[in-house]
Amino acid sequence: MGIEQKLGNMGVVTTSLEQVVNWSRTNAMWPMLFGLACCAIEMMAAQAAHYDMSRFGMELMRASPRQSDLMIVAGRVTRKMAPVLRRLYDQMPDPKWVISMGDCASCGGVFNNYAIVQGVDEVVPVDVYVAGCPPRPEALIHGVVTLFEKVKQERLADWK
């Protein structure tokens, strides 16, 4: 009795360690809620029943950085909030990713003054930018899917 008889017509499934780990990382991302302005309303709408981000494995937004691996920065970041944002990012376990949601988080938006950080990439490294003022929930979902594609392309040599 060989392995062909035990498996039947199912065939043999082979994969690599990279593919399994990247698949599990994309299907179990836990976002941290970090809504700073009007973009946070659209982020909440993307989490609600009509758009339902739980189909991507994001059941709920985490309030603790130690339980999350995806930071969605939604809204303008002030100079006073920047050190707090950095501290929360540093407390997140590796691997961690950042989505910059909205024009204010990406480039300062219409706020070109001394109090607003002109892009959250001055504080934390950003993986995906979602444009709009405020961006629709569909745009955030597109940003999440773009991040998934980026994570699926990671290689073993890139891991820390």
N, C-alpha and C. Protein backbone atom coordinates (compact mmCIF):
# COMPACT_ATOMS: atom_id res chain seq x y z
N MET A 1 0.85 -1.17 0.00
CA MET A 1 0.00 0.00 0.00
C MET A 1 0.89 1.23 0.00
N GLY A 2 0.92 1.95 -1.12
CA GLY A 2 1.79 3.11 -1.26
C GLY A 2 1.08 4.41 -0.90
N ILE A 3 1.85 5.47 -0.99
CA ILE A 3 1.30 6.78 -0.65
C ILE A 3 0.23 7.22 -1.65
N GLU A 4 0.31 6.71 -2.90
CA GLU A 4 -0.69 7.08 -3.90
C GLU A 4 -2.07 6.56 -3.50
N GLN A 5 -2.12 5.40 -2.91
CA GLN A 5 -3.40 4.82 -2.52
C GLN A 5 -3.97 5.52 -1.29
N LYS A 6 -3.10 6.00 -0.41
CA LYS A 6 -3.59 6.70 0.78
C LYS A 6 -4.10 8.09 0.44
N LEU A 7 -3.43 8.77 -0.50
CA LEU A 7 -3.85 10.11 -0.86
C LEU A 7 -5.02 10.11 -1.83
N GLY A 8 -5.17 9.06 -2.59
CA GLY A 8 -6.24 9.01 -3.58
C GLY A 8 -5.95 9.96 -4.73
N ASN A 9 -6.95 10.70 -5.18
CA ASN A 9 -6.78 11.63 -6.29
C ASN A 9 -6.47 13.05 -5.82
N MET A 10 -6.12 13.19 -4.56
CA MET A 10 -5.86 14.53 -4.03
C MET A 10 -4.53 15.08 -4.52
N GLY A 11 -3.62 14.26 -4.85
CA GLY A 11 -2.31 14.72 -5.26
C GLY A 11 -1.46 15.07 -4.05
N VAL A 12 -0.31 15.65 -4.33
CA VAL A 12 0.61 16.02 -3.28
C VAL A 12 0.73 17.54 -3.26
N VAL A 13 0.62 18.12 -2.08
CA VAL A 13 0.72 19.56 -1.95
C VAL A 13 2.12 19.89 -1.42
N THR A 14 2.83 20.72 -2.16
CA THR A 14 4.14 21.16 -1.69
C THR A 14 4.17 22.68 -1.67
N THR A 15 4.94 23.21 -0.77
CA THR A 15 5.07 24.66 -0.65
C THR A 15 6.39 24.95 0.04
N SER A 16 6.69 26.21 0.18
CA SER A 16 7.92 26.58 0.87
C SER A 16 7.58 27.23 2.20
N LEU A 17 8.56 27.31 3.06
CA LEU A 17 8.37 27.93 4.37
C LEU A 17 8.00 29.40 4.21
N GLU A 18 8.62 30.08 3.24
CA GLU A 18 8.31 31.49 3.00
C GLU A 18 6.84 31.69 2.66
N GLN A 19 6.30 30.84 1.78
CA GLN A 19 4.92 30.98 1.37
C GLN A 19 3.95 30.73 2.52
N VAL A 20 4.24 29.75 3.35
CA VAL A 20 3.36 29.44 4.48
C VAL A 20 3.38 30.58 5.50
N VAL A 21 4.57 31.08 5.81
CA VAL A 21 4.67 32.17 6.79
C VAL A 21 4.02 33.44 6.25
N ASN A 22 4.28 33.78 4.99
CA ASN A 22 3.68 34.99 4.42
C ASN A 22 2.16 34.86 4.31
N TRP A 23 1.67 33.67 3.99
CA TRP A 23 0.23 33.44 3.95
C TRP A 23 -0.40 33.65 5.32
N SER A 24 0.26 33.11 6.35
CA SER A 24 -0.29 33.26 7.70
C SER A 24 -0.20 34.71 8.17
N ARG A 25 0.84 35.43 7.78
CA ARG A 25 0.96 36.84 8.17
C ARG A 25 -0.13 37.68 7.52
N THR A 26 -0.44 37.41 6.27
CA THR A 26 -1.46 38.22 5.59
C THR A 26 -2.87 37.88 6.07
N ASN A 27 -3.11 36.66 6.47
CA ASN A 27 -4.46 36.27 6.87
C ASN A 27 -4.72 36.44 8.35
N ALA A 28 -3.78 36.99 9.08
CA ALA A 28 -4.00 37.22 10.51
C ALA A 28 -3.37 38.53 10.96
N MET A 29 -3.49 39.58 10.14
CA MET A 29 -2.99 40.90 10.55
C MET A 29 -3.96 41.50 11.55
N TRP A 30 -3.41 42.06 12.60
CA TRP A 30 -4.23 42.71 13.61
C TRP A 30 -3.91 44.20 13.62
N PRO A 31 -4.82 45.02 13.12
CA PRO A 31 -4.54 46.46 13.07
C PRO A 31 -4.73 47.13 14.41
N MET A 32 -3.94 48.17 14.62
CA MET A 32 -4.07 48.99 15.83
C MET A 32 -4.83 50.25 15.45
N LEU A 33 -5.83 50.58 16.24
CA LEU A 33 -6.59 51.78 15.94
C LEU A 33 -5.79 53.00 16.36
N PHE A 34 -5.57 53.88 15.40
CA PHE A 34 -4.83 55.11 15.66
C PHE A 34 -5.45 56.19 14.80
N GLY A 35 -6.71 56.51 15.10
CA GLY A 35 -7.43 57.53 14.35
C GLY A 35 -7.23 58.89 14.99
N LEU A 36 -6.73 59.82 14.19
CA LEU A 36 -6.41 61.14 14.71
C LEU A 36 -7.36 62.23 14.23
N ALA A 37 -8.07 62.01 13.14
CA ALA A 37 -8.93 63.06 12.60
C ALA A 37 -10.06 62.41 11.79
N CYS A 38 -10.54 63.14 10.78
CA CYS A 38 -11.71 62.71 10.02
C CYS A 38 -11.48 61.39 9.28
N CYS A 39 -10.26 61.04 8.96
CA CYS A 39 -9.99 59.76 8.30
C CYS A 39 -10.37 58.58 9.19
N ALA A 40 -10.39 58.79 10.47
CA ALA A 40 -10.74 57.71 11.40
C ALA A 40 -12.19 57.28 11.21
N ILE A 41 -13.07 58.20 10.81
CA ILE A 41 -14.46 57.83 10.57
C ILE A 41 -14.54 56.86 9.39
N GLU A 42 -13.76 57.12 8.34
CA GLU A 42 -13.74 56.21 7.19
C GLU A 42 -13.10 54.88 7.56
N MET A 43 -12.11 54.89 8.45
CA MET A 43 -11.49 53.65 8.91
C MET A 43 -12.51 52.83 9.69
N MET A 44 -13.33 53.49 10.51
CA MET A 44 -14.38 52.78 11.24
C MET A 44 -15.43 52.24 10.29
N ALA A 45 -15.74 52.99 9.25
CA ALA A 45 -16.72 52.52 8.26
C ALA A 45 -16.21 51.29 7.52
N ALA A 46 -14.92 51.24 7.26
CA ALA A 46 -14.35 50.07 6.60
C ALA A 46 -14.42 48.84 7.49
N GLN A 47 -14.43 49.04 8.79
CA GLN A 47 -14.51 47.94 9.73
C GLN A 47 -15.95 47.49 9.95
N ALA A 48 -16.92 48.33 9.61
CA ALA A 48 -18.33 48.04 9.87
C ALA A 48 -18.86 46.98 8.90
N ALA A 49 -20.13 46.65 9.04
CA ALA A 49 -20.72 45.52 8.34
C ALA A 49 -20.77 45.68 6.83
N HIS A 50 -20.90 46.90 6.31
CA HIS A 50 -21.04 47.08 4.88
C HIS A 50 -19.78 46.71 4.12
N TYR A 51 -18.62 47.04 4.66
CA TYR A 51 -17.34 46.73 4.00
C TYR A 51 -16.65 45.52 4.62
N ASP A 52 -16.79 45.34 5.93
CA ASP A 52 -16.40 44.12 6.63
C ASP A 52 -14.95 43.69 6.38
N MET A 53 -14.03 44.38 7.04
CA MET A 53 -12.62 44.01 6.92
C MET A 53 -12.30 42.71 7.64
N SER A 54 -13.25 42.13 8.34
CA SER A 54 -12.99 40.86 9.01
C SER A 54 -12.82 39.73 8.01
N ARG A 55 -13.21 39.94 6.77
CA ARG A 55 -12.98 38.91 5.74
C ARG A 55 -11.50 38.78 5.41
N PHE A 56 -10.70 39.77 5.86
CA PHE A 56 -9.25 39.71 5.67
C PHE A 56 -8.54 39.22 6.93
N GLY A 57 -9.27 38.76 7.92
CA GLY A 57 -8.67 38.32 9.17
C GLY A 57 -8.49 39.42 10.18
N MET A 58 -9.04 40.60 9.90
CA MET A 58 -8.93 41.76 10.81
C MET A 58 -10.24 41.89 11.57
N GLU A 59 -10.44 41.03 12.53
CA GLU A 59 -11.72 40.97 13.23
C GLU A 59 -12.04 42.25 13.99
N LEU A 60 -11.07 42.80 14.66
CA LEU A 60 -11.30 44.03 15.40
C LEU A 60 -10.00 44.79 15.52
N MET A 61 -10.15 46.08 15.73
CA MET A 61 -8.97 46.93 15.91
C MET A 61 -8.46 46.75 17.34
N ARG A 62 -7.18 46.58 17.48
CA ARG A 62 -6.58 46.40 18.79
C ARG A 62 -6.26 47.76 19.40
N ALA A 63 -6.43 47.88 20.67
CA ALA A 63 -6.11 49.13 21.38
C ALA A 63 -4.70 49.11 21.95
N SER A 64 -4.09 47.95 21.98
CA SER A 64 -2.76 47.81 22.54
C SER A 64 -1.74 47.58 21.41
N PRO A 65 -0.62 48.28 21.43
CA PRO A 65 0.38 48.03 20.39
C PRO A 65 1.03 46.66 20.51
N ARG A 66 0.99 46.06 21.67
CA ARG A 66 1.62 44.75 21.87
C ARG A 66 0.79 43.62 21.28
N GLN A 67 -0.45 43.91 20.89
CA GLN A 67 -1.32 42.90 20.28
C GLN A 67 -1.54 43.14 18.80
N SER A 68 -0.84 44.08 18.21
CA SER A 68 -1.10 44.42 16.81
C SER A 68 0.19 44.42 16.01
N ASP A 69 0.03 44.22 14.70
CA ASP A 69 1.19 44.25 13.82
C ASP A 69 0.99 45.17 12.63
N LEU A 70 -0.14 45.86 12.58
CA LEU A 70 -0.42 46.82 11.51
C LEU A 70 -0.91 48.11 12.13
N MET A 71 -0.21 49.20 11.87
CA MET A 71 -0.63 50.51 12.34
C MET A 71 -1.22 51.28 11.17
N ILE A 72 -2.48 51.68 11.30
CA ILE A 72 -3.12 52.51 10.28
C ILE A 72 -3.18 53.92 10.86
N VAL A 73 -2.33 54.81 10.35
CA VAL A 73 -2.31 56.19 10.82
C VAL A 73 -3.34 56.95 9.99
N ALA A 74 -4.46 57.30 10.61
CA ALA A 74 -5.57 57.93 9.92
C ALA A 74 -5.73 59.36 10.43
N GLY A 75 -5.22 60.31 9.67
CA GLY A 75 -5.40 61.71 10.04
C GLY A 75 -4.08 62.43 10.24
N ARG A 76 -4.20 63.71 10.58
CA ARG A 76 -3.01 64.54 10.71
C ARG A 76 -2.26 64.24 12.00
N VAL A 77 -0.95 64.27 11.91
CA VAL A 77 -0.09 64.01 13.06
C VAL A 77 0.55 65.33 13.47
N THR A 78 0.31 65.73 14.70
CA THR A 78 0.92 66.97 15.19
C THR A 78 2.32 66.68 15.73
N ARG A 79 3.09 67.74 15.88
CA ARG A 79 4.45 67.58 16.43
C ARG A 79 4.39 67.05 17.86
N LYS A 80 3.32 67.38 18.57
CA LYS A 80 3.16 66.90 19.94
C LYS A 80 2.82 65.41 19.98
N MET A 81 2.10 64.92 18.94
CA MET A 81 1.69 63.53 18.90
C MET A 81 2.77 62.63 18.30
N ALA A 82 3.73 63.18 17.58
CA ALA A 82 4.75 62.38 16.89
C ALA A 82 5.55 61.47 17.83
N PRO A 83 6.02 61.95 18.99
CA PRO A 83 6.75 61.03 19.88
C PRO A 83 5.88 59.89 20.42
N VAL A 84 4.60 60.16 20.63
CA VAL A 84 3.69 59.12 21.09
C VAL A 84 3.50 58.08 20.00
N LEU A 85 3.35 58.55 18.76
CA LEU A 85 3.22 57.65 17.62
C LEU A 85 4.45 56.76 17.49
N ARG A 86 5.62 57.34 17.64
CA ARG A 86 6.86 56.57 17.55
C ARG A 86 6.98 55.56 18.68
N ARG A 87 6.58 55.94 19.88
CA ARG A 87 6.64 55.02 21.01
C ARG A 87 5.71 53.83 20.79
N LEU A 88 4.51 54.09 20.29
CA LEU A 88 3.58 53.00 20.01
C LEU A 88 4.12 52.08 18.92
N TYR A 89 4.75 52.66 17.91
CA TYR A 89 5.34 51.86 16.84
C TYR A 89 6.47 50.98 17.39
N ASP A 90 7.29 51.54 18.27
CA ASP A 90 8.39 50.77 18.84
C ASP A 90 7.90 49.64 19.74
N GLN A 91 6.71 49.79 20.33
CA GLN A 91 6.17 48.76 21.21
C GLN A 91 5.51 47.61 20.45
N MET A 92 5.26 47.80 19.16
CA MET A 92 4.64 46.74 18.36
C MET A 92 5.67 45.63 18.10
N PRO A 93 5.23 44.37 18.14
CA PRO A 93 6.18 43.27 17.88
C PRO A 93 6.50 43.18 16.39
N ASP A 94 7.68 42.65 16.09
CA ASP A 94 8.07 42.42 14.70
C ASP A 94 7.41 41.16 14.18
N PRO A 95 7.06 41.06 12.94
CA PRO A 95 7.09 42.08 11.90
C PRO A 95 5.93 43.04 12.07
N LYS A 96 6.15 44.28 11.64
CA LYS A 96 5.10 45.30 11.76
C LYS A 96 5.06 46.13 10.50
N TRP A 97 3.87 46.62 10.20
CA TRP A 97 3.65 47.39 8.98
C TRP A 97 2.86 48.64 9.32
N VAL A 98 2.97 49.65 8.43
CA VAL A 98 2.28 50.92 8.63
C VAL A 98 1.57 51.31 7.34
N ILE A 99 0.30 51.70 7.46
CA ILE A 99 -0.46 52.28 6.36
C ILE A 99 -0.72 53.73 6.72
N SER A 100 -0.36 54.64 5.83
CA SER A 100 -0.64 56.06 6.00
C SER A 100 -1.94 56.36 5.27
N MET A 101 -2.98 56.70 6.01
CA MET A 101 -4.31 56.87 5.44
C MET A 101 -4.67 58.35 5.37
N GLY A 102 -4.87 58.84 4.18
CA GLY A 102 -5.31 60.22 3.99
C GLY A 102 -4.17 61.15 3.64
N ASP A 103 -4.55 62.29 3.06
CA ASP A 103 -3.55 63.27 2.64
C ASP A 103 -2.82 63.89 3.83
N CYS A 104 -3.52 64.09 4.93
CA CYS A 104 -2.88 64.72 6.09
C CYS A 104 -1.77 63.84 6.66
N ALA A 105 -2.02 62.54 6.74
CA ALA A 105 -0.99 61.63 7.25
C ALA A 105 0.13 61.44 6.24
N SER A 106 -0.19 61.49 4.96
CA SER A 106 0.81 61.22 3.93
C SER A 106 1.74 62.41 3.69
N CYS A 107 1.17 63.63 3.63
CA CYS A 107 2.00 64.78 3.27
C CYS A 107 1.62 66.06 4.00
N GLY A 108 0.83 65.98 5.05
CA GLY A 108 0.43 67.17 5.79
C GLY A 108 -0.88 67.76 5.32
N GLY A 109 -1.34 67.38 4.13
CA GLY A 109 -2.62 67.86 3.62
C GLY A 109 -2.64 69.37 3.44
N VAL A 110 -3.74 69.98 3.82
CA VAL A 110 -3.89 71.44 3.69
C VAL A 110 -3.23 72.18 4.84
N PHE A 111 -2.72 71.44 5.82
CA PHE A 111 -2.11 72.05 7.00
C PHE A 111 -0.61 72.21 6.79
N ASN A 112 -0.20 73.31 6.23
CA ASN A 112 1.21 73.58 5.98
C ASN A 112 1.69 74.59 7.03
N ASN A 113 1.84 74.12 8.26
CA ASN A 113 2.31 75.01 9.32
C ASN A 113 3.25 74.25 10.24
N TYR A 114 3.75 74.94 11.23
CA TYR A 114 4.77 74.38 12.12
C TYR A 114 4.25 73.29 13.04
N ALA A 115 2.94 73.21 13.26
CA ALA A 115 2.39 72.28 14.25
C ALA A 115 2.11 70.89 13.68
N ILE A 116 2.02 70.75 12.38
CA ILE A 116 1.66 69.48 11.75
C ILE A 116 2.88 68.86 11.09
N VAL A 117 3.08 67.58 11.32
CA VAL A 117 4.16 66.83 10.66
C VAL A 117 3.79 66.69 9.19
N GLN A 118 4.71 67.05 8.31
CA GLN A 118 4.44 67.01 6.87
C GLN A 118 4.72 65.61 6.32
N GLY A 119 3.97 64.67 6.79
CA GLY A 119 4.11 63.28 6.37
C GLY A 119 4.55 62.41 7.53
N VAL A 120 3.80 61.36 7.79
CA VAL A 120 4.09 60.48 8.92
C VAL A 120 5.37 59.68 8.68
N ASP A 121 5.86 59.66 7.43
CA ASP A 121 7.11 58.95 7.16
C ASP A 121 8.31 59.65 7.78
N GLU A 122 8.14 60.84 8.32
CA GLU A 122 9.20 61.48 9.10
C GLU A 122 9.34 60.84 10.48
N VAL A 123 8.30 60.13 10.91
CA VAL A 123 8.27 59.56 12.27
C VAL A 123 8.46 58.05 12.23
N VAL A 124 7.72 57.36 11.36
CA VAL A 124 7.78 55.90 11.25
C VAL A 124 7.89 55.52 9.78
N PRO A 125 8.48 54.37 9.47
CA PRO A 125 8.53 53.93 8.07
C PRO A 125 7.15 53.49 7.59
N VAL A 126 6.75 53.96 6.43
CA VAL A 126 5.42 53.69 5.88
C VAL A 126 5.54 52.67 4.76
N ASP A 127 4.65 51.67 4.77
CA ASP A 127 4.65 50.64 3.73
C ASP A 127 3.69 50.98 2.59
N VAL A 128 2.50 51.49 2.91
CA VAL A 128 1.49 51.78 1.90
C VAL A 128 0.86 53.13 2.21
N TYR A 129 0.70 53.94 1.16
CA TYR A 129 0.01 55.23 1.28
C TYR A 129 -1.37 55.09 0.65
N VAL A 130 -2.39 55.59 1.35
CA VAL A 130 -3.75 55.61 0.83
C VAL A 130 -4.13 57.07 0.65
N ALA A 131 -4.38 57.47 -0.60
CA ALA A 131 -4.66 58.87 -0.91
C ALA A 131 -6.14 59.19 -0.73
N GLY A 132 -6.43 60.47 -0.51
CA GLY A 132 -7.80 60.94 -0.39
C GLY A 132 -7.96 61.86 0.79
N CYS A 133 -9.02 62.65 0.77
CA CYS A 133 -9.28 63.57 1.87
C CYS A 133 -10.78 63.63 2.15
N PRO A 134 -11.28 62.82 3.02
CA PRO A 134 -10.72 61.57 3.53
C PRO A 134 -10.91 60.46 2.50
N PRO A 135 -10.05 59.46 2.51
CA PRO A 135 -10.22 58.35 1.57
C PRO A 135 -11.44 57.51 1.92
N ARG A 136 -12.09 57.00 0.91
CA ARG A 136 -13.26 56.14 1.12
C ARG A 136 -12.82 54.80 1.71
N PRO A 137 -13.72 54.07 2.34
CA PRO A 137 -13.37 52.74 2.86
C PRO A 137 -12.84 51.80 1.78
N GLU A 138 -13.33 51.96 0.55
CA GLU A 138 -12.81 51.12 -0.54
C GLU A 138 -11.33 51.38 -0.77
N ALA A 139 -10.91 52.63 -0.62
CA ALA A 139 -9.50 52.96 -0.79
C ALA A 139 -8.66 52.33 0.31
N LEU A 140 -9.15 52.33 1.53
CA LEU A 140 -8.42 51.67 2.61
C LEU A 140 -8.32 50.17 2.37
N ILE A 141 -9.40 49.57 1.91
CA ILE A 141 -9.37 48.14 1.62
C ILE A 141 -8.38 47.86 0.49
N HIS A 142 -8.32 48.73 -0.50
CA HIS A 142 -7.33 48.58 -1.57
C HIS A 142 -5.91 48.69 -1.01
N GLY A 143 -5.70 49.60 -0.06
CA GLY A 143 -4.40 49.72 0.58
C GLY A 143 -4.03 48.48 1.37
N VAL A 144 -5.01 47.87 2.03
CA VAL A 144 -4.75 46.64 2.77
C VAL A 144 -4.40 45.51 1.82
N VAL A 145 -5.11 45.40 0.70
CA VAL A 145 -4.81 44.36 -0.28
C VAL A 145 -3.43 44.59 -0.89
N THR A 146 -3.07 45.86 -1.13
CA THR A 146 -1.73 46.18 -1.63
C THR A 146 -0.66 45.76 -0.63
N LEU A 147 -0.92 45.99 0.66
CA LEU A 147 0.02 45.56 1.70
C LEU A 147 0.12 44.04 1.72
N PHE A 148 -1.00 43.34 1.56
CA PHE A 148 -0.97 41.88 1.52
C PHE A 148 -0.07 41.40 0.39
N GLU A 149 -0.19 42.01 -0.79
CA GLU A 149 0.65 41.61 -1.92
C GLU A 149 2.12 41.87 -1.63
N LYS A 150 2.40 42.96 -0.93
CA LYS A 150 3.78 43.27 -0.57
C LYS A 150 4.33 42.24 0.42
N VAL A 151 3.52 41.87 1.40
CA VAL A 151 3.96 40.90 2.41
C VAL A 151 4.15 39.52 1.78
N LYS A 152 3.30 39.16 0.84
CA LYS A 152 3.43 37.85 0.19
C LYS A 152 4.71 37.74 -0.63
N GLN A 153 5.31 38.86 -1.01
CA GLN A 153 6.54 38.86 -1.80
C GLN A 153 7.80 38.86 -0.94
N GLU A 154 7.65 38.91 0.38
CA GLU A 154 8.82 38.95 1.26
C GLU A 154 9.60 37.64 1.16
N ARG A 155 10.89 37.74 1.30
CA ARG A 155 11.78 36.59 1.23
C ARG A 155 12.42 36.33 2.58
N LEU A 156 12.93 35.14 2.74
CA LEU A 156 13.55 34.74 4.00
C LEU A 156 14.72 35.65 4.35
N ALA A 157 15.45 36.13 3.36
CA ALA A 157 16.59 37.01 3.61
C ALA A 157 16.15 38.38 4.13
N ASP A 158 14.89 38.77 3.85
CA ASP A 158 14.38 40.06 4.31
C ASP A 158 13.94 40.05 5.77
N TRP A 159 13.69 38.85 6.31
CA TRP A 159 13.19 38.75 7.68
C TRP A 159 14.28 39.13 8.65
N LYS A 160 13.89 39.76 9.75
CA LYS A 160 14.86 40.18 10.77
C LYS A 160 15.18 39.08 11.71
